[in-house]
Amino acid sequence: MADTHQATYIRFALSRQETTEQIASAFCKRHVEFLHSVRGLYWDRDFHAFTPNIDQELEHINHFHDASSMTQDWPCACFDFRFLQWAFDLYLYNSKSTPHGYKAQH
């Protein structure tokens, strides 16, 4: 079974809360389902990758808005979603924790 990983980093002039509202609206219209869990991550400079923070994991959250509100202070939050048969992760991170060496698309 193939496992494909793609990541795109896009800088927004919106706050995380404003970004969440925009995403939630679009996902609702497309019937994208929040899978009730979120994980915290931090940027590991040695590995040049996001690394899970085992102290920041929440499950059984009913709504994406709630998960986003609970993670506002986390440097990076990874939300689990499903669209049709595909599960995917959405990473939202604070600009002050922007990974060094990434290629932003403007």
PDB file of N, CA and C in Angstrom:
ATOM      1  N   MET A   1       0.854  -1.172   0.000  1.00  0.00           N
ATOM      2  CA  MET A   1       0.000   0.000   0.000  1.00  0.00           C
ATOM      3  C   MET A   1       0.902   1.237   0.000  1.00  0.00           C
ATOM      4  N   ALA A   2       0.622   2.141  -0.887  1.00  0.00           N
ATOM      5  CA  ALA A   2       1.386   3.387  -0.970  1.00  0.00           C
ATOM      6  C   ALA A   2       0.942   4.347   0.117  1.00  0.00           C
ATOM      7  N   ASP A   3       1.890   5.090   0.608  1.00  0.00           N
ATOM      8  CA  ASP A   3       1.604   6.114   1.609  1.00  0.00           C
ATOM      9  C   ASP A   3       2.217   7.410   1.103  1.00  0.00           C
ATOM     10  N   THR A   4       1.370   8.357   0.718  1.00  0.00           N
ATOM     11  CA  THR A   4       1.837   9.598   0.119  1.00  0.00           C
ATOM     12  C   THR A   4       1.709  10.732   1.118  1.00  0.00           C
ATOM     13  N   HIS A   5       2.756  11.527   1.236  1.00  0.00           N
ATOM     14  CA  HIS A   5       2.754  12.677   2.127  1.00  0.00           C
ATOM     15  C   HIS A   5       3.108  13.913   1.322  1.00  0.00           C
ATOM     16  N   GLN A   6       2.260  14.913   1.394  1.00  0.00           N
ATOM     17  CA  GLN A   6       2.538  16.190   0.758  1.00  0.00           C
ATOM     18  C   GLN A   6       2.263  17.276   1.771  1.00  0.00           C
ATOM     19  N   ALA A   7       3.083  18.296   1.752  1.00  0.00           N
ATOM     20  CA  ALA A   7       2.872  19.421   2.665  1.00  0.00           C
ATOM     21  C   ALA A   7       3.052  20.716   1.898  1.00  0.00           C
ATOM     22  N   THR A   8       2.196  21.648   2.184  1.00  0.00           N
ATOM     23  CA  THR A   8       2.295  22.981   1.619  1.00  0.00           C
ATOM     24  C   THR A   8       2.165  23.956   2.774  1.00  0.00           C
ATOM     25  N   TYR A   9       3.085  24.896   2.874  1.00  0.00           N
ATOM     26  CA  TYR A   9       3.044  25.909   3.921  1.00  0.00           C
ATOM     27  C   TYR A   9       2.621  27.222   3.297  1.00  0.00           C
ATOM     28  N   ILE A  10       1.575  27.778   3.818  1.00  0.00           N
ATOM     29  CA  ILE A  10       1.066  29.037   3.291  1.00  0.00           C
ATOM     30  C   ILE A  10       0.929  30.027   4.442  1.00  0.00           C
ATOM     31  N   ARG A  11       1.478  31.194   4.267  1.00  0.00           N
ATOM     32  CA  ARG A  11       1.370  32.235   5.275  1.00  0.00           C
ATOM     33  C   ARG A  11       0.079  33.004   5.098  1.00  0.00           C
ATOM     34  N   PHE A  12      -0.655  33.189   6.199  1.00  0.00           N
ATOM     35  CA  PHE A  12      -1.888  33.960   6.177  1.00  0.00           C
ATOM     36  C   PHE A  12      -1.726  35.203   7.023  1.00  0.00           C
ATOM     37  N   ALA A  13      -2.392  36.262   6.607  1.00  0.00           N
ATOM     38  CA  ALA A  13      -2.403  37.476   7.414  1.00  0.00           C
ATOM     39  C   ALA A  13      -3.495  37.397   8.468  1.00  0.00           C
ATOM     40  N   LEU A  14      -4.212  36.279   8.514  1.00  0.00           N
ATOM     41  CA  LEU A  14      -5.284  36.097   9.480  1.00  0.00           C
ATOM     42  C   LEU A  14      -4.761  35.443  10.756  1.00  0.00           C
ATOM     43  N   SER A  15      -5.477  35.665  11.836  1.00  0.00           N
ATOM     44  CA  SER A  15      -5.142  34.966  13.077  1.00  0.00           C
ATOM     45  C   SER A  15      -5.527  33.501  12.930  1.00  0.00           C
ATOM     46  N   ARG A  16      -5.076  32.668  13.854  1.00  0.00           N
ATOM     47  CA  ARG A  16      -5.449  31.257  13.791  1.00  0.00           C
ATOM     48  C   ARG A  16      -6.962  31.092  13.918  1.00  0.00           C
ATOM     49  N   GLN A  17      -7.594  31.893  14.755  1.00  0.00           N
ATOM     50  CA  GLN A  17      -9.048  31.803  14.919  1.00  0.00           C
ATOM     51  C   GLN A  17      -9.763  32.177  13.620  1.00  0.00           C
ATOM     52  N   GLU A  18      -9.318  33.254  12.969  1.00  0.00           N
ATOM     53  CA  GLU A  18      -9.924  33.660  11.696  1.00  0.00           C
ATOM     54  C   GLU A  18      -9.695  32.594  10.625  1.00  0.00           C
ATOM     55  N   THR A  19      -8.506  32.024  10.605  1.00  0.00           N
ATOM     56  CA  THR A  19      -8.191  30.959   9.660  1.00  0.00           C
ATOM     57  C   THR A  19      -9.089  29.757   9.906  1.00  0.00           C
ATOM     58  N   THR A  20      -9.264  29.397  11.176  1.00  0.00           N
ATOM     59  CA  THR A  20     -10.141  28.282  11.535  1.00  0.00           C
ATOM     60  C   THR A  20     -11.555  28.514  11.034  1.00  0.00           C
ATOM     61  N   GLU A  21     -12.070  29.717  11.210  1.00  0.00           N
ATOM     62  CA  GLU A  21     -13.428  30.019  10.760  1.00  0.00           C
ATOM     63  C   GLU A  21     -13.558  29.879   9.247  1.00  0.00           C
ATOM     64  N   GLN A  22     -12.563  30.343   8.506  1.00  0.00           N
ATOM     65  CA  GLN A  22     -12.589  30.226   7.045  1.00  0.00           C
ATOM     66  C   GLN A  22     -12.537  28.756   6.617  1.00  0.00           C
ATOM     67  N   ILE A  23     -11.640  28.005   7.242  1.00  0.00           N
ATOM     68  CA  ILE A  23     -11.499  26.582   6.906  1.00  0.00           C
ATOM     69  C   ILE A  23     -12.773  25.823   7.271  1.00  0.00           C
ATOM     70  N   ALA A  24     -13.301  26.079   8.462  1.00  0.00           N
ATOM     71  CA  ALA A  24     -14.508  25.379   8.915  1.00  0.00           C
ATOM     72  C   ALA A  24     -15.673  25.625   7.958  1.00  0.00           C
ATOM     73  N   SER A  25     -15.808  26.831   7.486  1.00  0.00           N
ATOM     74  CA  SER A  25     -16.877  27.163   6.549  1.00  0.00           C
ATOM     75  C   SER A  25     -16.725  26.377   5.248  1.00  0.00           C
ATOM     76  N   ALA A  26     -15.529  26.364   4.705  1.00  0.00           N
ATOM     77  CA  ALA A  26     -15.282  25.639   3.452  1.00  0.00           C
ATOM     78  C   ALA A  26     -15.450  24.135   3.646  1.00  0.00           C
ATOM     79  N   PHE A  27     -14.949  23.591   4.751  1.00  0.00           N
ATOM     80  CA  PHE A  27     -15.057  22.158   5.009  1.00  0.00           C
ATOM     81  C   PHE A  27     -16.507  21.745   5.215  1.00  0.00           C
ATOM     82  N   CYS A  28     -17.293  22.565   5.871  1.00  0.00           N
ATOM     83  CA  CYS A  28     -18.701  22.261   6.102  1.00  0.00           C
ATOM     84  C   CYS A  28     -19.447  22.149   4.764  1.00  0.00           C
ATOM     85  N   LYS A  29     -19.178  23.079   3.869  1.00  0.00           N
ATOM     86  CA  LYS A  29     -19.830  23.067   2.554  1.00  0.00           C
ATOM     87  C   LYS A  29     -19.463  21.825   1.745  1.00  0.00           C
ATOM     88  N   ARG A  30     -18.273  21.301   1.961  1.00  0.00           N
ATOM     89  CA  ARG A  30     -17.783  20.142   1.200  1.00  0.00           C
ATOM     90  C   ARG A  30     -17.953  18.826   1.971  1.00  0.00           C
ATOM     91  N   HIS A  31     -18.568  18.893   3.130  1.00  0.00           N
ATOM     92  CA  HIS A  31     -18.809  17.710   3.973  1.00  0.00           C
ATOM     93  C   HIS A  31     -17.514  17.012   4.388  1.00  0.00           C
ATOM     94  N   VAL A  32     -16.514  17.826   4.737  1.00  0.00           N
ATOM     95  CA  VAL A  32     -15.263  17.309   5.270  1.00  0.00           C
ATOM     96  C   VAL A  32     -15.477  17.126   6.768  1.00  0.00           C
ATOM     97  N   GLU A  33     -15.197  15.927   7.253  1.00  0.00           N
ATOM     98  CA  GLU A  33     -15.510  15.557   8.636  1.00  0.00           C
ATOM     99  C   GLU A  33     -14.288  15.702   9.549  1.00  0.00           C
ATOM    100  N   PHE A  34     -14.467  16.411  10.658  1.00  0.00           N
ATOM    101  CA  PHE A  34     -13.433  16.484  11.692  1.00  0.00           C
ATOM    102  C   PHE A  34     -13.475  15.168  12.468  1.00  0.00           C
ATOM    103  N   LEU A  35     -12.327  14.523  12.649  1.00  0.00           N
ATOM    104  CA  LEU A  35     -12.269  13.202  13.271  1.00  0.00           C
ATOM    105  C   LEU A  35     -12.038  13.240  14.783  1.00  0.00           C
ATOM    106  N   HIS A  36     -12.312  14.359  15.415  1.00  0.00           N
ATOM    107  CA  HIS A  36     -12.386  14.470  16.878  1.00  0.00           C
ATOM    108  C   HIS A  36     -11.056  14.360  17.612  1.00  0.00           C
ATOM    109  N   SER A  37      -9.940  14.598  16.921  1.00  0.00           N
ATOM    110  CA  SER A  37      -8.664  14.565  17.632  1.00  0.00           C
ATOM    111  C   SER A  37      -7.697  15.611  17.070  1.00  0.00           C
ATOM    112  N   VAL A  38      -6.787  16.022  17.939  1.00  0.00           N
ATOM    113  CA  VAL A  38      -5.773  17.016  17.569  1.00  0.00           C
ATOM    114  C   VAL A  38      -4.499  16.706  18.356  1.00  0.00           C
ATOM    115  N   ARG A  39      -3.358  16.924  17.701  1.00  0.00           N
ATOM    116  CA  ARG A  39      -2.055  16.693  18.332  1.00  0.00           C
ATOM    117  C   ARG A  39      -1.221  17.967  18.248  1.00  0.00           C
ATOM    118  N   GLY A  40      -0.442  18.196  19.271  1.00  0.00           N
ATOM    119  CA  GLY A  40       0.493  19.318  19.263  1.00  0.00           C
ATOM    120  C   GLY A  40       1.836  18.877  18.708  1.00  0.00           C
ATOM    121  N   LEU A  41       2.511  19.796  18.039  1.00  0.00           N
ATOM    122  CA  LEU A  41       3.831  19.520  17.496  1.00  0.00           C
ATOM    123  C   LEU A  41       4.742  20.717  17.724  1.00  0.00           C
ATOM    124  N   TYR A  42       6.015  20.471  17.623  1.00  0.00           N
ATOM    125  CA  TYR A  42       6.995  21.555  17.662  1.00  0.00           C
ATOM    126  C   TYR A  42       7.974  21.327  16.518  1.00  0.00           C
ATOM    127  N   TRP A  43       8.627  22.407  16.080  1.00  0.00           N
ATOM    128  CA  TRP A  43       9.579  22.314  14.983  1.00  0.00           C
ATOM    129  C   TRP A  43      10.920  21.872  15.534  1.00  0.00           C
ATOM    130  N   ASP A  44      11.383  20.698  15.104  1.00  0.00           N
ATOM    131  CA  ASP A  44      12.671  20.151  15.526  1.00  0.00           C
ATOM    132  C   ASP A  44      13.724  20.625  14.539  1.00  0.00           C
ATOM    133  N   ARG A  45      14.566  21.548  14.979  1.00  0.00           N
ATOM    134  CA  ARG A  45      15.583  22.128  14.090  1.00  0.00           C
ATOM    135  C   ARG A  45      16.619  21.112  13.651  1.00  0.00           C
ATOM    136  N   ASP A  46      16.903  20.113  14.497  1.00  0.00           N
ATOM    137  CA  ASP A  46      17.886  19.093  14.132  1.00  0.00           C
ATOM    138  C   ASP A  46      17.405  18.215  12.985  1.00  0.00           C
ATOM    139  N   PHE A  47      16.141  17.869  12.992  1.00  0.00           N
ATOM    140  CA  PHE A  47      15.575  16.990  11.965  1.00  0.00           C
ATOM    141  C   PHE A  47      14.847  17.748  10.852  1.00  0.00           C
ATOM    142  N   HIS A  48      14.703  19.066  11.016  1.00  0.00           N
ATOM    143  CA  HIS A  48      13.993  19.893  10.037  1.00  0.00           C
ATOM    144  C   HIS A  48      12.596  19.326   9.755  1.00  0.00           C
ATOM    145  N   ALA A  49      11.896  19.040  10.838  1.00  0.00           N
ATOM    146  CA  ALA A  49      10.562  18.448  10.707  1.00  0.00           C
ATOM    147  C   ALA A  49       9.740  18.757  11.951  1.00  0.00           C
ATOM    148  N   PHE A  50       8.421  18.703  11.777  1.00  0.00           N
ATOM    149  CA  PHE A  50       7.545  18.795  12.929  1.00  0.00           C
ATOM    150  C   PHE A  50       7.637  17.495  13.709  1.00  0.00           C
ATOM    151  N   THR A  51       7.687  17.604  15.024  1.00  0.00           N
ATOM    152  CA  THR A  51       7.801  16.453  15.912  1.00  0.00           C
ATOM    153  C   THR A  51       6.662  16.497  16.915  1.00  0.00           C
ATOM    154  N   PRO A  52       5.989  15.369  17.125  1.00  0.00           N
ATOM    155  CA  PRO A  52       4.867  15.360  18.070  1.00  0.00           C
ATOM    156  C   PRO A  52       5.291  15.723  19.492  1.00  0.00           C
ATOM    157  N   ASN A  53       4.435  16.451  20.159  1.00  0.00           N
ATOM    158  CA  ASN A  53       4.615  16.780  21.570  1.00  0.00           C
ATOM    159  C   ASN A  53       3.662  15.874  22.343  1.00  0.00           C
ATOM    160  N   ILE A  54       4.199  14.874  23.026  1.00  0.00           N
ATOM    161  CA  ILE A  54       3.345  13.872  23.676  1.00  0.00           C
ATOM    162  C   ILE A  54       2.484  14.457  24.795  1.00  0.00           C
ATOM    163  N   ASP A  55       2.809  15.648  25.258  1.00  0.00           N
ATOM    164  CA  ASP A  55       2.009  16.301  26.291  1.00  0.00           C
ATOM    165  C   ASP A  55       0.821  17.068  25.709  1.00  0.00           C
ATOM    166  N   GLN A  56       0.733  17.115  24.390  1.00  0.00           N
ATOM    167  CA  GLN A  56      -0.342  17.872  23.736  1.00  0.00           C
ATOM    168  C   GLN A  56      -1.101  16.966  22.767  1.00  0.00           C
ATOM    169  N   GLU A  57      -1.999  16.172  23.323  1.00  0.00           N
ATOM    170  CA  GLU A  57      -2.871  15.332  22.512  1.00  0.00           C
ATOM    171  C   GLU A  57      -4.264  15.365  23.114  1.00  0.00           C
ATOM    172  N   LEU A  58      -5.246  15.657  22.277  1.00  0.00           N
ATOM    173  CA  LEU A  58      -6.636  15.700  22.728  1.00  0.00           C
ATOM    174  C   LEU A  58      -7.478  14.842  21.807  1.00  0.00           C
ATOM    175  N   GLU A  59      -8.394  14.080  22.388  1.00  0.00           N
ATOM    176  CA  GLU A  59      -9.300  13.237  21.611  1.00  0.00           C
ATOM    177  C   GLU A  59     -10.728  13.466  22.077  1.00  0.00           C
ATOM    178  N   HIS A  60     -11.653  12.931  21.315  1.00  0.00           N
ATOM    179  CA  HIS A  60     -13.078  13.001  21.643  1.00  0.00           C
ATOM    180  C   HIS A  60     -13.590  14.435  21.708  1.00  0.00           C
ATOM    181  N   ILE A  61     -13.127  15.267  20.795  1.00  0.00           N
ATOM    182  CA  ILE A  61     -13.578  16.653  20.710  1.00  0.00           C
ATOM    183  C   ILE A  61     -14.665  16.688  19.632  1.00  0.00           C
ATOM    184  N   ASN A  62     -15.802  17.260  19.952  1.00  0.00           N
ATOM    185  CA  ASN A  62     -16.935  17.210  19.033  1.00  0.00           C
ATOM    186  C   ASN A  62     -16.773  18.071  17.788  1.00  0.00           C
ATOM    187  N   HIS A  63     -16.195  19.254  17.919  1.00  0.00           N
ATOM    188  CA  HIS A  63     -16.169  20.191  16.802  1.00  0.00           C
ATOM    189  C   HIS A  63     -14.767  20.744  16.564  1.00  0.00           C
ATOM    190  N   PHE A  64     -14.481  21.004  15.294  1.00  0.00           N
ATOM    191  CA  PHE A  64     -13.203  21.600  14.905  1.00  0.00           C
ATOM    192  C   PHE A  64     -12.980  22.937  15.608  1.00  0.00           C
ATOM    193  N   HIS A  65     -14.036  23.764  15.718  1.00  0.00           N
ATOM    194  CA  HIS A  65     -13.912  25.055  16.408  1.00  0.00           C
ATOM    195  C   HIS A  65     -13.426  24.859  17.843  1.00  0.00           C
ATOM    196  N   ASP A  66     -13.976  23.864  18.537  1.00  0.00           N
ATOM    197  CA  ASP A  66     -13.567  23.593  19.914  1.00  0.00           C
ATOM    198  C   ASP A  66     -12.101  23.178  19.976  1.00  0.00           C
ATOM    199  N   ALA A  67     -11.702  22.297  19.076  1.00  0.00           N
ATOM    200  CA  ALA A  67     -10.312  21.839  19.046  1.00  0.00           C
ATOM    201  C   ALA A  67      -9.363  23.003  18.777  1.00  0.00           C
ATOM    202  N   SER A  68      -9.757  23.873  17.859  1.00  0.00           N
ATOM    203  CA  SER A  68      -8.926  25.028  17.562  1.00  0.00           C
ATOM    204  C   SER A  68      -8.807  25.965  18.761  1.00  0.00           C
ATOM    205  N   SER A  69      -9.909  26.210  19.426  1.00  0.00           N
ATOM    206  CA  SER A  69      -9.890  27.081  20.612  1.00  0.00           C
ATOM    207  C   SER A  69      -9.008  26.510  21.717  1.00  0.00           C
ATOM    208  N   MET A  70      -9.054  25.196  21.887  1.00  0.00           N
ATOM    209  CA  MET A  70      -8.270  24.550  22.949  1.00  0.00           C
ATOM    210  C   MET A  70      -6.772  24.572  22.661  1.00  0.00           C
ATOM    211  N   THR A  71      -6.403  24.794  21.407  1.00  0.00           N
ATOM    212  CA  THR A  71      -4.993  24.706  21.010  1.00  0.00           C
ATOM    213  C   THR A  71      -4.408  26.043  20.567  1.00  0.00           C
ATOM    214  N   GLN A  72      -5.081  27.132  20.846  1.00  0.00           N
ATOM    215  CA  GLN A  72      -4.634  28.460  20.402  1.00  0.00           C
ATOM    216  C   GLN A  72      -3.201  28.777  20.830  1.00  0.00           C
ATOM    217  N   ASP A  73      -2.801  28.309  21.988  1.00  0.00           N
ATOM    218  CA  ASP A  73      -1.469  28.639  22.499  1.00  0.00           C
ATOM    219  C   ASP A  73      -0.401  27.631  22.091  1.00  0.00           C
ATOM    220  N   TRP A  74      -0.775  26.568  21.416  1.00  0.00           N
ATOM    221  CA  TRP A  74       0.202  25.577  20.974  1.00  0.00           C
ATOM    222  C   TRP A  74       0.968  26.130  19.775  1.00  0.00           C
ATOM    223  N   PRO A  75       2.272  25.871  19.690  1.00  0.00           N
ATOM    224  CA  PRO A  75       3.033  26.340  18.523  1.00  0.00           C
ATOM    225  C   PRO A  75       2.488  25.781  17.215  1.00  0.00           C
ATOM    226  N   CYS A  76       2.099  24.506  17.222  1.00  0.00           N
ATOM    227  CA  CYS A  76       1.539  23.877  16.031  1.00  0.00           C
ATOM    228  C   CYS A  76       0.503  22.856  16.469  1.00  0.00           C
ATOM    229  N   ALA A  77      -0.614  22.810  15.766  1.00  0.00           N
ATOM    230  CA  ALA A  77      -1.662  21.840  16.053  1.00  0.00           C
ATOM    231  C   ALA A  77      -1.985  21.078  14.777  1.00  0.00           C
ATOM    232  N   CYS A  78      -2.105  19.764  14.896  1.00  0.00           N
ATOM    233  CA  CYS A  78      -2.417  18.892  13.770  1.00  0.00           C
ATOM    234  C   CYS A  78      -3.811  18.308  13.982  1.00  0.00           C
ATOM    235  N   PHE A  79      -4.733  18.671  13.114  1.00  0.00           N
ATOM    236  CA  PHE A  79      -6.131  18.261  13.206  1.00  0.00           C
ATOM    237  C   PHE A  79      -6.392  17.139  12.206  1.00  0.00           C
ATOM    238  N   ASP A  80      -7.147  16.141  12.621  1.00  0.00           N
ATOM    239  CA  ASP A  80      -7.468  14.997  11.758  1.00  0.00           C
ATOM    240  C   ASP A  80      -8.822  15.202  11.083  1.00  0.00           C
ATOM    241  N   PHE A  81      -8.859  14.993   9.766  1.00  0.00           N
ATOM    242  CA  PHE A  81     -10.072  15.156   8.971  1.00  0.00           C
ATOM    243  C   PHE A  81     -10.250  13.977   8.020  1.00  0.00           C
ATOM    244  N   ARG A  82     -11.459  13.848   7.504  1.00  0.00           N
ATOM    245  CA  ARG A  82     -11.757  12.866   6.459  1.00  0.00           C
ATOM    246  C   ARG A  82     -12.618  13.542   5.396  1.00  0.00           C
ATOM    247  N   PHE A  83     -12.250  13.273   4.141  1.00  0.00           N
ATOM    248  CA  PHE A  83     -13.044  13.713   2.997  1.00  0.00           C
ATOM    249  C   PHE A  83     -13.240  12.499   2.093  1.00  0.00           C
ATOM    250  N   LEU A  84     -14.485  12.095   1.935  1.00  0.00           N
ATOM    251  CA  LEU A  84     -14.822  10.866   1.216  1.00  0.00           C
ATOM    252  C   LEU A  84     -14.058   9.714   1.865  1.00  0.00           C
ATOM    253  N   GLN A  85     -13.199   9.008   1.134  1.00  0.00           N
ATOM    254  CA  GLN A  85     -12.481   7.886   1.739  1.00  0.00           C
ATOM    255  C   GLN A  85     -11.072   8.251   2.220  1.00  0.00           C
ATOM    256  N   TRP A  86     -10.669   9.514   2.072  1.00  0.00           N
ATOM    257  CA  TRP A  86      -9.311   9.914   2.423  1.00  0.00           C
ATOM    258  C   TRP A  86      -9.263  10.619   3.772  1.00  0.00           C
ATOM    259  N   ALA A  87      -8.355  10.179   4.619  1.00  0.00           N
ATOM    260  CA  ALA A  87      -8.076  10.890   5.863  1.00  0.00           C
ATOM    261  C   ALA A  87      -6.879  11.793   5.595  1.00  0.00           C
ATOM    262  N   PHE A  88      -6.884  12.974   6.208  1.00  0.00           N
ATOM    263  CA  PHE A  88      -5.749  13.879   6.039  1.00  0.00           C
ATOM    264  C   PHE A  88      -5.577  14.718   7.290  1.00  0.00           C
ATOM    265  N   ASP A  89      -4.399  15.299   7.425  1.00  0.00           N
ATOM    266  CA  ASP A  89      -4.060  16.150   8.561  1.00  0.00           C
ATOM    267  C   ASP A  89      -3.999  17.600   8.103  1.00  0.00           C
ATOM    268  N   LEU A  90      -4.461  18.478   8.956  1.00  0.00           N
ATOM    269  CA  LEU A  90      -4.346  19.912   8.736  1.00  0.00           C
ATOM    270  C   LEU A  90      -3.493  20.472   9.862  1.00  0.00           C
ATOM    271  N   TYR A  91      -2.375  21.105   9.511  1.00  0.00           N
ATOM    272  CA  TYR A  91      -1.480  21.699  10.492  1.00  0.00           C
ATOM    273  C   TYR A  91      -1.697  23.207  10.513  1.00  0.00           C
ATOM    274  N   LEU A  92      -1.938  23.751  11.676  1.00  0.00           N
ATOM    275  CA  LEU A  92      -1.993  25.199  11.859  1.00  0.00           C
ATOM    276  C   LEU A  92      -0.924  25.563  12.868  1.00  0.00           C
ATOM    277  N   TYR A  93      -0.069  26.502  12.509  1.00  0.00           N
ATOM    278  CA  TYR A  93       0.976  26.899  13.450  1.00  0.00           C
ATOM    279  C   TYR A  93       1.050  28.412  13.529  1.00  0.00           C
ATOM    280  N   ASN A  94       1.583  28.868  14.656  1.00  0.00           N
ATOM    281  CA  ASN A  94       1.743  30.297  14.892  1.00  0.00           C
ATOM    282  C   ASN A  94       2.931  30.807  14.104  1.00  0.00           C
ATOM    283  N   SER A  95       2.837  32.038  13.631  1.00  0.00           N
ATOM    284  CA  SER A  95       3.926  32.598  12.833  1.00  0.00           C
ATOM    285  C   SER A  95       5.230  32.670  13.614  1.00  0.00           C
ATOM    286  N   LYS A  96       5.144  32.822  14.922  1.00  0.00           N
ATOM    287  CA  LYS A  96       6.385  32.891  15.705  1.00  0.00           C
ATOM    288  C   LYS A  96       7.070  31.530  15.803  1.00  0.00           C
ATOM    289  N   SER A  97       6.374  30.459  15.422  1.00  0.00           N
ATOM    290  CA  SER A  97       6.987  29.130  15.435  1.00  0.00           C
ATOM    291  C   SER A  97       7.181  28.595  14.016  1.00  0.00           C
ATOM    292  N   THR A  98       7.239  29.508  13.042  1.00  0.00           N
ATOM    293  CA  THR A  98       7.408  29.117  11.650  1.00  0.00           C
ATOM    294  C   THR A  98       8.702  28.324  11.485  1.00  0.00           C
ATOM    295  N   PRO A  99       8.627  27.177  10.838  1.00  0.00           N
ATOM    296  CA  PRO A  99       9.834  26.377  10.635  1.00  0.00           C
ATOM    297  C   PRO A  99      10.826  27.083   9.742  1.00  0.00           C
ATOM    298  N   HIS A 100      12.092  26.976  10.087  1.00  0.00           N
ATOM    299  CA  HIS A 100      13.152  27.570   9.282  1.00  0.00           C
ATOM    300  C   HIS A 100      13.471  26.618   8.137  1.00  0.00           C
ATOM    301  N   GLY A 101      13.656  27.169   6.979  1.00  0.00           N
ATOM    302  CA  GLY A 101      14.032  26.360   5.834  1.00  0.00           C
ATOM    303  C   GLY A 101      12.855  25.813   5.049  1.00  0.00           C
ATOM    304  N   TYR A 102      11.645  26.235   5.356  1.00  0.00           N
ATOM    305  CA  TYR A 102      10.503  25.779   4.569  1.00  0.00           C
ATOM    306  C   TYR A 102      10.305  26.711   3.409  1.00  0.00           C
ATOM    307  N   LYS A 103       9.569  26.275   2.429  1.00  0.00           N
ATOM    308  CA  LYS A 103       9.270  27.090   1.271  1.00  0.00           C
ATOM    309  C   LYS A 103       7.819  27.525   1.367  1.00  0.00           C
ATOM    310  N   ALA A 104       7.592  28.767   1.665  1.00  0.00           N
ATOM    311  CA  ALA A 104       6.237  29.292   1.783  1.00  0.00           C
ATOM    312  C   ALA A 104       5.716  29.635   0.395  1.00  0.00           C
ATOM    313  N   GLN A 105       4.437  29.425   0.200  1.00  0.00           N
ATOM    314  CA  GLN A 105       3.804  29.834  -1.045  1.00  0.00           C
ATOM    315  C   GLN A 105       2.983  31.069  -0.741  1.00  0.00           C
ATOM    316  N   HIS A 106       3.264  32.133  -1.445  1.00  0.00           N
ATOM    317  CA  HIS A 106       2.570  33.406  -1.208  1.00  0.00           C
ATOM    318  C   HIS A 106       1.540  33.650  -2.277  1.00  0.00           C
TER     319      HIS A 106
END
